[in-house]
PDB file of N, CA and C in Angstrom:
ATOM      1  N   MET A   1      61.524 157.228 119.724  1.00  0.00           N
ATOM      2  CA  MET A   1      60.227 156.632 119.910  1.00  0.00           C
ATOM      3  C   MET A   1      60.155 156.064 121.323  1.00  0.00           C
ATOM      4  N   ILE A   2      59.026 156.194 121.941  1.00  0.00           N
ATOM      5  CA  ILE A   2      58.847 155.725 123.306  1.00  0.00           C
ATOM      6  C   ILE A   2      58.438 154.260 123.276  1.00  0.00           C
ATOM      7  N   ASP A   3      59.179 153.445 124.023  1.00  0.00           N
ATOM      8  CA  ASP A   3      58.854 152.022 124.131  1.00  0.00           C
ATOM      9  C   ASP A   3      58.180 151.772 125.470  1.00  0.00           C
ATOM     10  N   PRO A   4      57.001 151.178 125.467  1.00  0.00           N
ATOM     11  CA  PRO A   4      56.341 150.924 126.747  1.00  0.00           C
ATOM     12  C   PRO A   4      57.002 149.762 127.482  1.00  0.00           C
ATOM     13  N   ARG A   5      57.042 149.850 128.764  1.00  0.00           N
ATOM     14  CA  ARG A   5      57.569 148.769 129.588  1.00  0.00           C
ATOM     15  C   ARG A   5      56.376 147.924 130.030  1.00  0.00           C
ATOM     16  N   LEU A   6      56.423 146.651 129.730  1.00  0.00           N
ATOM     17  CA  LEU A   6      55.315 145.771 130.045  1.00  0.00           C
ATOM     18  C   LEU A   6      55.356 145.298 131.486  1.00  0.00           C
ATOM     19  N   THR A   7      56.532 145.075 132.017  1.00  0.00           N
ATOM     20  CA  THR A   7      56.662 144.639 133.404  1.00  0.00           C
ATOM     21  C   THR A   7      57.821 145.371 134.053  1.00  0.00           C
ATOM     22  N   THR A   8      57.850 145.301 135.354  1.00  0.00           N
ATOM     23  CA  THR A   8      58.969 145.855 136.092  1.00  0.00           C
ATOM     24  C   THR A   8      59.741 144.746 136.784  1.00  0.00           C
ATOM     25  N   CYS A   9      59.638 143.567 136.279  1.00  0.00           N
ATOM     26  CA  CYS A   9      60.282 142.391 136.857  1.00  0.00           C
ATOM     27  C   CYS A   9      61.779 142.435 136.560  1.00  0.00           C
ATOM     28  N   THR A  10      62.575 142.487 137.620  1.00  0.00           N
ATOM     29  CA  THR A  10      64.024 142.508 137.417  1.00  0.00           C
ATOM     30  C   THR A  10      64.606 141.109 137.330  1.00  0.00           C
ATOM     31  N   GLU A  11      63.940 140.123 137.919  1.00  0.00           N
ATOM     32  CA  GLU A  11      64.441 138.748 137.875  1.00  0.00           C
ATOM     33  C   GLU A  11      64.093 138.058 136.565  1.00  0.00           C
ATOM     34  N   CYS A  12      63.238 138.656 135.758  1.00  0.00           N
ATOM     35  CA  CYS A  12      62.796 138.021 134.514  1.00  0.00           C
ATOM     36  C   CYS A  12      63.886 137.992 133.455  1.00  0.00           C
ATOM     37  N   THR A  13      64.891 138.807 133.596  1.00  0.00           N
ATOM     38  CA  THR A  13      65.936 138.849 132.579  1.00  0.00           C
ATOM     39  C   THR A  13      67.183 138.080 132.982  1.00  0.00           C
ATOM     40  N   THR A  14      67.090 137.267 134.027  1.00  0.00           N
ATOM     41  CA  THR A  14      68.233 136.421 134.366  1.00  0.00           C
ATOM     42  C   THR A  14      68.210 135.193 133.465  1.00  0.00           C
ATOM     43  N   ILE A  15      69.372 134.649 133.230  1.00  0.00           N
ATOM     44  CA  ILE A  15      69.478 133.511 132.319  1.00  0.00           C
ATOM     45  C   ILE A  15      68.746 132.297 132.874  1.00  0.00           C
ATOM     46  N   SER A  16      68.840 132.072 134.166  1.00  0.00           N
ATOM     47  CA  SER A  16      68.176 130.897 134.750  1.00  0.00           C
ATOM     48  C   SER A  16      66.654 131.010 134.662  1.00  0.00           C
ATOM     49  N   ALA A  17      66.122 132.208 134.846  1.00  0.00           N
ATOM     50  CA  ALA A  17      64.665 132.386 134.721  1.00  0.00           C
ATOM     51  C   ALA A  17      64.216 132.200 133.277  1.00  0.00           C
ATOM     52  N   LEU A  18      65.018 132.685 132.336  1.00  0.00           N
ATOM     53  CA  LEU A  18      64.683 132.505 130.919  1.00  0.00           C
ATOM     54  C   LEU A  18      64.751 131.042 130.511  1.00  0.00           C
ATOM     55  N   LEU A  19      65.760 130.334 130.992  1.00  0.00           N
ATOM     56  CA  LEU A  19      65.856 128.907 130.687  1.00  0.00           C
ATOM     57  C   LEU A  19      64.688 128.135 131.284  1.00  0.00           C
ATOM     58  N   ASN A  20      64.246 128.541 132.457  1.00  0.00           N
ATOM     59  CA  ASN A  20      63.082 127.905 133.077  1.00  0.00           C
ATOM     60  C   ASN A  20      61.823 128.156 132.246  1.00  0.00           C
ATOM     61  N   ASP A  21      61.636 129.381 131.766  1.00  0.00           N
ATOM     62  CA  ASP A  21      60.484 129.695 130.914  1.00  0.00           C
ATOM     63  C   ASP A  21      60.525 128.893 129.617  1.00  0.00           C
ATOM     64  N   ILE A  22      61.711 128.783 129.026  1.00  0.00           N
ATOM     65  CA  ILE A  22      61.855 128.029 127.780  1.00  0.00           C
ATOM     66  C   ILE A  22      61.545 126.558 128.012  1.00  0.00           C
ATOM     67  N   ASN A  23      62.069 126.004 129.101  1.00  0.00           N
ATOM     68  CA  ASN A  23      61.805 124.592 129.399  1.00  0.00           C
ATOM     69  C   ASN A  23      60.325 124.330 129.637  1.00  0.00           C
ATOM     70  N   ASN A  24      59.643 125.247 130.314  1.00  0.00           N
ATOM     71  CA  ASN A  24      58.207 125.080 130.555  1.00  0.00           C
ATOM     72  C   ASN A  24      57.422 125.092 129.242  1.00  0.00           C
ATOM     73  N   ARG A  25      57.750 125.998 128.361  1.00  0.00           N
ATOM     74  CA  ARG A  25      57.033 126.080 127.069  1.00  0.00           C
ATOM     75  C   ARG A  25      57.337 124.868 126.193  1.00  0.00           C
ATOM     76  N   ILE A  26      58.584 124.409 126.187  1.00  0.00           N
ATOM     77  CA  ILE A  26      58.930 123.223 125.416  1.00  0.00           C
ATOM     78  C   ILE A  26      58.174 122.007 125.958  1.00  0.00           C
ATOM     79  N   THR A  27      58.030 121.921 127.264  1.00  0.00           N
ATOM     80  CA  THR A  27      57.275 120.827 127.870  1.00  0.00           C
ATOM     81  C   THR A  27      55.820 120.864 127.446  1.00  0.00           C
ATOM     82  N   GLU A  28      55.217 122.055 127.422  1.00  0.00           N
ATOM     83  CA  GLU A  28      53.820 122.180 126.983  1.00  0.00           C
ATOM     84  C   GLU A  28      53.655 121.732 125.529  1.00  0.00           C
ATOM     85  N   ILE A  29      54.567 122.152 124.679  1.00  0.00           N
ATOM     86  CA  ILE A  29      54.486 121.784 123.264  1.00  0.00           C
ATOM     87  C   ILE A  29      54.703 120.283 123.097  1.00  0.00           C
ATOM     88  N   ALA A  30      55.625 119.711 123.860  1.00  0.00           N
ATOM     89  CA  ALA A  30      55.886 118.273 123.774  1.00  0.00           C
ATOM     90  C   ALA A  30      54.665 117.467 124.236  1.00  0.00           C
ATOM     91  N   LYS A  31      53.992 117.936 125.266  1.00  0.00           N
ATOM     92  CA  LYS A  31      52.774 117.251 125.722  1.00  0.00           C
ATOM     93  C   LYS A  31      51.681 117.325 124.665  1.00  0.00           C
ATOM     94  N   MET A  32      51.545 118.501 124.028  1.00  0.00           N
ATOM     95  CA  MET A  32      50.559 118.631 122.947  1.00  0.00           C
ATOM     96  C   MET A  32      50.902 117.686 121.809  1.00  0.00           C
ATOM     97  N   LEU A  33      52.165 117.588 121.465  1.00  0.00           N
ATOM     98  CA  LEU A  33      52.598 116.704 120.386  1.00  0.00           C
ATOM     99  C   LEU A  33      52.342 115.244 120.741  1.00  0.00           C
ATOM    100  N   TYR A  34      52.634 114.853 121.971  1.00  0.00           N
ATOM    101  CA  TYR A  34      52.394 113.481 122.405  1.00  0.00           C
ATOM    102  C   TYR A  34      50.906 113.141 122.347  1.00  0.00           C
ATOM    103  N   ASN A  35      50.071 114.031 122.880  1.00  0.00           N
ATOM    104  CA  ASN A  35      48.627 113.792 122.843  1.00  0.00           C
ATOM    105  C   ASN A  35      48.108 113.777 121.414  1.00  0.00           C
ATOM    106  N   ASN A  36      48.677 114.598 120.573  1.00  0.00           N
ATOM    107  CA  ASN A  36      48.276 114.656 119.175  1.00  0.00           C
ATOM    108  C   ASN A  36      48.589 113.339 118.469  1.00  0.00           C
ATOM    109  N   ILE A  37      49.752 112.762 118.779  1.00  0.00           N
ATOM    110  CA  ILE A  37      50.147 111.513 118.136  1.00  0.00           C
ATOM    111  C   ILE A  37      49.366 110.329 118.701  1.00  0.00           C
ATOM    112  N   THR A  38      49.286 110.225 120.025  1.00  0.00           N
ATOM    113  CA  THR A  38      48.669 109.045 120.626  1.00  0.00           C
ATOM    114  C   THR A  38      47.155 109.036 120.483  1.00  0.00           C
ATOM    115  N   LEU A  39      46.528 110.179 120.545  1.00  0.00           N
ATOM    116  CA  LEU A  39      45.072 110.240 120.471  1.00  0.00           C
ATOM    117  C   LEU A  39      44.555 110.625 119.093  1.00  0.00           C
ATOM    118  N   MET A  40      45.470 110.839 118.140  1.00  0.00           N
ATOM    119  CA  MET A  40      45.131 111.225 116.765  1.00  0.00           C
ATOM    120  C   MET A  40      44.167 112.412 116.730  1.00  0.00           C
ATOM    121  N   LEU A  41      44.560 113.486 117.407  1.00  0.00           N
ATOM    122  CA  LEU A  41      43.698 114.655 117.506  1.00  0.00           C
ATOM    123  C   LEU A  41      43.742 115.533 116.266  1.00  0.00           C
ATOM    124  N   GLY A  42      44.868 115.594 115.596  1.00  0.00           N
ATOM    125  CA  GLY A  42      44.974 116.384 114.377  1.00  0.00           C
ATOM    126  C   GLY A  42      45.167 117.866 114.609  1.00  0.00           C
ATOM    127  N   TYR A  43      45.617 118.249 115.799  1.00  0.00           N
ATOM    128  CA  TYR A  43      45.882 119.657 116.066  1.00  0.00           C
ATOM    129  C   TYR A  43      47.201 120.065 115.432  1.00  0.00           C
ATOM    130  N   SER A  44      47.308 121.342 115.104  1.00  0.00           N
ATOM    131  CA  SER A  44      48.574 121.828 114.561  1.00  0.00           C
ATOM    132  C   SER A  44      49.525 122.132 115.718  1.00  0.00           C
ATOM    133  N   ILE A  45      50.770 121.781 115.515  1.00  0.00           N
ATOM    134  CA  ILE A  45      51.802 121.974 116.531  1.00  0.00           C
ATOM    135  C   ILE A  45      52.715 123.099 116.055  1.00  0.00           C
ATOM    136  N   PRO A  46      53.010 124.080 116.919  1.00  0.00           N
ATOM    137  CA  PRO A  46      53.881 125.190 116.509  1.00  0.00           C
ATOM    138  C   PRO A  46      55.348 124.749 116.438  1.00  0.00           C
ATOM    139  N   SER A  47      55.704 124.099 115.342  1.00  0.00           N
ATOM    140  CA  SER A  47      57.063 123.560 115.222  1.00  0.00           C
ATOM    141  C   SER A  47      58.110 124.667 115.089  1.00  0.00           C
ATOM    142  N   GLU A  48      57.757 125.752 114.439  1.00  0.00           N
ATOM    143  CA  GLU A  48      58.705 126.858 114.296  1.00  0.00           C
ATOM    144  C   GLU A  48      59.012 127.485 115.655  1.00  0.00           C
ATOM    145  N   THR A  49      57.994 127.593 116.494  1.00  0.00           N
ATOM    146  CA  THR A  49      58.195 128.113 117.847  1.00  0.00           C
ATOM    147  C   THR A  49      59.095 127.185 118.649  1.00  0.00           C
ATOM    148  N   MET A  50      58.882 125.884 118.488  1.00  0.00           N
ATOM    149  CA  MET A  50      59.701 124.898 119.198  1.00  0.00           C
ATOM    150  C   MET A  50      61.169 125.009 118.780  1.00  0.00           C
ATOM    151  N   LEU A  51      61.422 125.126 117.497  1.00  0.00           N
ATOM    152  CA  LEU A  51      62.798 125.248 117.018  1.00  0.00           C
ATOM    153  C   LEU A  51      63.443 126.552 117.485  1.00  0.00           C
ATOM    154  N   ASP A  52      62.679 127.641 117.462  1.00  0.00           N
ATOM    155  CA  ASP A  52      63.202 128.920 117.940  1.00  0.00           C
ATOM    156  C   ASP A  52      63.555 128.852 119.427  1.00  0.00           C
ATOM    157  N   LEU A  53      62.684 128.224 120.218  1.00  0.00           N
ATOM    158  CA  LEU A  53      62.953 128.101 121.645  1.00  0.00           C
ATOM    159  C   LEU A  53      64.191 127.245 121.913  1.00  0.00           C
ATOM    160  N   LEU A  54      64.359 126.187 121.144  1.00  0.00           N
ATOM    161  CA  LEU A  54      65.545 125.346 121.308  1.00  0.00           C
ATOM    162  C   LEU A  54      66.815 126.111 120.939  1.00  0.00           C
ATOM    163  N   ASN A  55      66.746 126.948 119.914  1.00  0.00           N
ATOM    164  CA  ASN A  55      67.902 127.769 119.545  1.00  0.00           C
ATOM    165  C   ASN A  55      68.237 128.792 120.626  1.00  0.00           C
ATOM    166  N   TYR A  56      67.212 129.445 121.176  1.00  0.00           N
ATOM    167  CA  TYR A  56      67.455 130.420 122.239  1.00  0.00           C
ATOM    168  C   TYR A  56      67.964 129.726 123.502  1.00  0.00           C
ATOM    169  N   LYS A  57      67.507 128.512 123.745  1.00  0.00           N
ATOM    170  CA  LYS A  57      68.012 127.762 124.890  1.00  0.00           C
ATOM    171  C   LYS A  57      69.495 127.460 124.719  1.00  0.00           C
ATOM    172  N   ARG A  58      69.898 127.075 123.524  1.00  0.00           N
ATOM    173  CA  ARG A  58      71.302 126.801 123.245  1.00  0.00           C
ATOM    174  C   ARG A  58      72.141 128.064 123.438  1.00  0.00           C
ATOM    175  N   ILE A  59      71.653 129.179 122.921  1.00  0.00           N
ATOM    176  CA  ILE A  59      72.382 130.441 123.051  1.00  0.00           C
ATOM    177  C   ILE A  59      72.517 130.835 124.524  1.00  0.00           C
ATOM    178  N   LEU A  60      71.443 130.692 125.285  1.00  0.00           N
ATOM    179  CA  LEU A  60      71.492 131.088 126.695  1.00  0.00           C
ATOM    180  C   LEU A  60      72.387 130.175 127.525  1.00  0.00           C
ATOM    181  N   THR A  61      72.414 128.890 127.223  1.00  0.00           N
ATOM    182  CA  THR A  61      73.304 128.001 127.974  1.00  0.00           C
ATOM    183  C   THR A  61      74.770 128.305 127.652  1.00  0.00           C
ATOM    184  N   TYR A  62      75.054 128.635 126.404  1.00  0.00           N
ATOM    185  CA  TYR A  62      76.421 129.050 126.062  1.00  0.00           C
ATOM    186  C   TYR A  62      76.761 130.371 126.740  1.00  0.00           C
ATOM    187  N   LYS A  63      75.803 131.293 126.775  1.00  0.00           N
ATOM    188  CA  LYS A  63      76.029 132.595 127.396  1.00  0.00           C
ATOM    189  C   LYS A  63      76.192 132.468 128.912  1.00  0.00           C
ATOM    190  N   LEU A  64      75.588 131.447 129.496  1.00  0.00           N
ATOM    191  CA  LEU A  64      75.705 131.227 130.933  1.00  0.00           C
ATOM    192  C   LEU A  64      77.141 130.870 131.311  1.00  0.00           C
ATOM    193  N   SER A  65      77.799 130.081 130.471  1.00  0.00           N
ATOM    194  CA  SER A  65      79.170 129.681 130.784  1.00  0.00           C
ATOM    195  C   SER A  65      80.219 130.649 130.225  1.00  0.00           C
ATOM    196  N   ASN A  66      79.859 131.385 129.164  1.00  0.00           N
ATOM    197  CA  ASN A  66      80.801 132.316 128.547  1.00  0.00           C
ATOM    198  C   ASN A  66      80.061 133.617 128.255  1.00  0.00           C
ATOM    199  N   ALA A  67      80.334 134.635 129.033  1.00  0.00           N
ATOM    200  CA  ALA A  67      79.622 135.909 128.891  1.00  0.00           C
ATOM    201  C   ALA A  67      79.929 136.607 127.575  1.00  0.00           C
ATOM    202  N   ASP A  68      81.044 136.266 126.927  1.00  0.00           N
ATOM    203  CA  ASP A  68      81.417 136.902 125.669  1.00  0.00           C
ATOM    204  C   ASP A  68      80.810 136.223 124.448  1.00  0.00           C
ATOM    205  N   TYR A  69      80.060 135.150 124.642  1.00  0.00           N
ATOM    206  CA  TYR A  69      79.427 134.459 123.522  1.00  0.00           C
ATOM    207  C   TYR A  69      78.290 135.334 122.982  1.00  0.00           C
ATOM    208  N   ALA A  70      78.229 135.508 121.685  1.00  0.00           N
ATOM    209  CA  ALA A  70      77.193 136.317 121.013  1.00  0.00           C
ATOM    210  C   ALA A  70      77.078 137.683 121.676  1.00  0.00           C
ATOM    211  N   ILE A  71      78.176 138.381 121.724  1.00  0.00           N
ATOM    212  CA  ILE A  71      78.269 139.665 122.426  1.00  0.00           C
ATOM    213  C   ILE A  71      77.347 140.728 121.812  1.00  0.00           C
ATOM    214  N   ASP A  72      77.001 140.581 120.537  1.00  0.00           N
ATOM    215  CA  ASP A  72      76.128 141.563 119.882  1.00  0.00           C
ATOM    216  C   ASP A  72      74.697 141.497 120.391  1.00  0.00           C
ATOM    217  N   PHE A  73      74.312 140.369 120.970  1.00  0.00           N
ATOM    218  CA  PHE A  73      72.950 140.193 121.461  1.00  0.00           C
ATOM    219  C   PHE A  73      72.959 140.183 122.984  1.00  0.00           C
ATOM    220  N   THR A  74      72.256 141.144 123.563  1.00  0.00           N
ATOM    221  CA  THR A  74      72.204 141.236 125.017  1.00  0.00           C
ATOM    222  C   THR A  74      71.153 140.282 125.562  1.00  0.00           C
ATOM    223  N   ILE A  75      71.209 140.070 126.857  1.00  0.00           N
ATOM    224  CA  ILE A  75      70.236 139.198 127.523  1.00  0.00           C
ATOM    225  C   ILE A  75      68.835 139.795 127.398  1.00  0.00           C
ATOM    226  N   GLU A  76      68.736 141.115 127.455  1.00  0.00           N
ATOM    227  CA  GLU A  76      67.432 141.769 127.354  1.00  0.00           C
ATOM    228  C   GLU A  76      66.810 141.559 125.979  1.00  0.00           C
ATOM    229  N   MET A  77      67.640 141.571 124.942  1.00  0.00           N
ATOM    230  CA  MET A  77      67.131 141.330 123.590  1.00  0.00           C
ATOM    231  C   MET A  77      66.610 139.902 123.464  1.00  0.00           C
ATOM    232  N   ILE A  78      67.338 138.958 124.009  1.00  0.00           N
ATOM    233  CA  ILE A  78      66.910 137.563 123.963  1.00  0.00           C
ATOM    234  C   ILE A  78      65.682 137.364 124.836  1.00  0.00           C
ATOM    235  N   ALA A  79      65.641 138.025 125.997  1.00  0.00           N
ATOM    236  CA  ALA A  79      64.507 137.884 126.913  1.00  0.00           C
ATOM    237  C   ALA A  79      63.219 138.378 126.277  1.00  0.00           C
ATOM    238  N   SER A  80      63.287 139.475 125.538  1.00  0.00           N
ATOM    239  CA  SER A  80      62.078 139.989 124.908  1.00  0.00           C
ATOM    240  C   SER A  80      61.551 139.013 123.861  1.00  0.00           C
ATOM    241  N   ARG A  81      62.448 138.397 123.127  1.00  0.00           N
ATOM    242  CA  ARG A  81      62.030 137.425 122.105  1.00  0.00           C
ATOM    243  C   ARG A  81      61.485 136.153 122.751  1.00  0.00           C
ATOM    244  N   VAL A  82      62.099 135.712 123.844  1.00  0.00           N
ATOM    245  CA  VAL A  82      61.627 134.519 124.547  1.00  0.00           C
ATOM    246  C   VAL A  82      60.239 134.765 125.132  1.00  0.00           C
ATOM    247  N   LYS A  83      60.028 135.945 125.687  1.00  0.00           N
ATOM    248  CA  LYS A  83      58.710 136.259 126.255  1.00  0.00           C
ATOM    249  C   LYS A  83      57.630 136.268 125.173  1.00  0.00           C
ATOM    250  N   LEU A  84      57.983 136.728 123.960  1.00  0.00           N
ATOM    251  CA  LEU A  84      57.013 136.673 122.860  1.00  0.00           C
ATOM    252  C   LEU A  84      56.727 135.239 122.434  1.00  0.00           C
ATOM    253  N   LEU A  85      57.767 134.429 122.355  1.00  0.00           N
ATOM    254  CA  LEU A  85      57.578 133.038 121.946  1.00  0.00           C
ATOM    255  C   LEU A  85      56.871 132.204 123.007  1.00  0.00           C
ATOM    256  N   LYS A  86      56.954 132.635 124.235  1.00  0.00           N
ATOM    257  CA  LYS A  86      56.323 131.897 125.328  1.00  0.00           C
ATOM    258  C   LYS A  86      54.805 131.826 125.160  1.00  0.00           C
ATOM    259  N   TYR A  87      54.224 132.855 124.599  1.00  0.00           N
ATOM    260  CA  TYR A  87      52.770 132.911 124.454  1.00  0.00           C
ATOM    261  C   TYR A  87      52.312 132.692 123.020  1.00  0.00           C
ATOM    262  N   LYS A  88      53.202 132.295 122.151  1.00  0.00           N
ATOM    263  CA  LYS A  88      52.862 132.096 120.741  1.00  0.00           C
ATOM    264  C   LYS A  88      52.289 130.714 120.517  1.00  0.00           C
TER     265      LYS A  88
END
């Protein structure tokens, strides 16, 4: 089956770029949560997305120091999932 390539960005699959994307999304969600609590807005917060991003952040930080950690999962596999969660 043919898989379409969405971007040709070669720097997007580096661990530091992925960690930066994860940190930016976590910051956005945290700001929404803070505004939701302080201003009593009643918006729904994507808690499952937040937990998934925190798990991928943990995996990537371990992979940064030890390349053999979670050897079954490549950086590209994690990057594709992070890019999906970034816009969720």
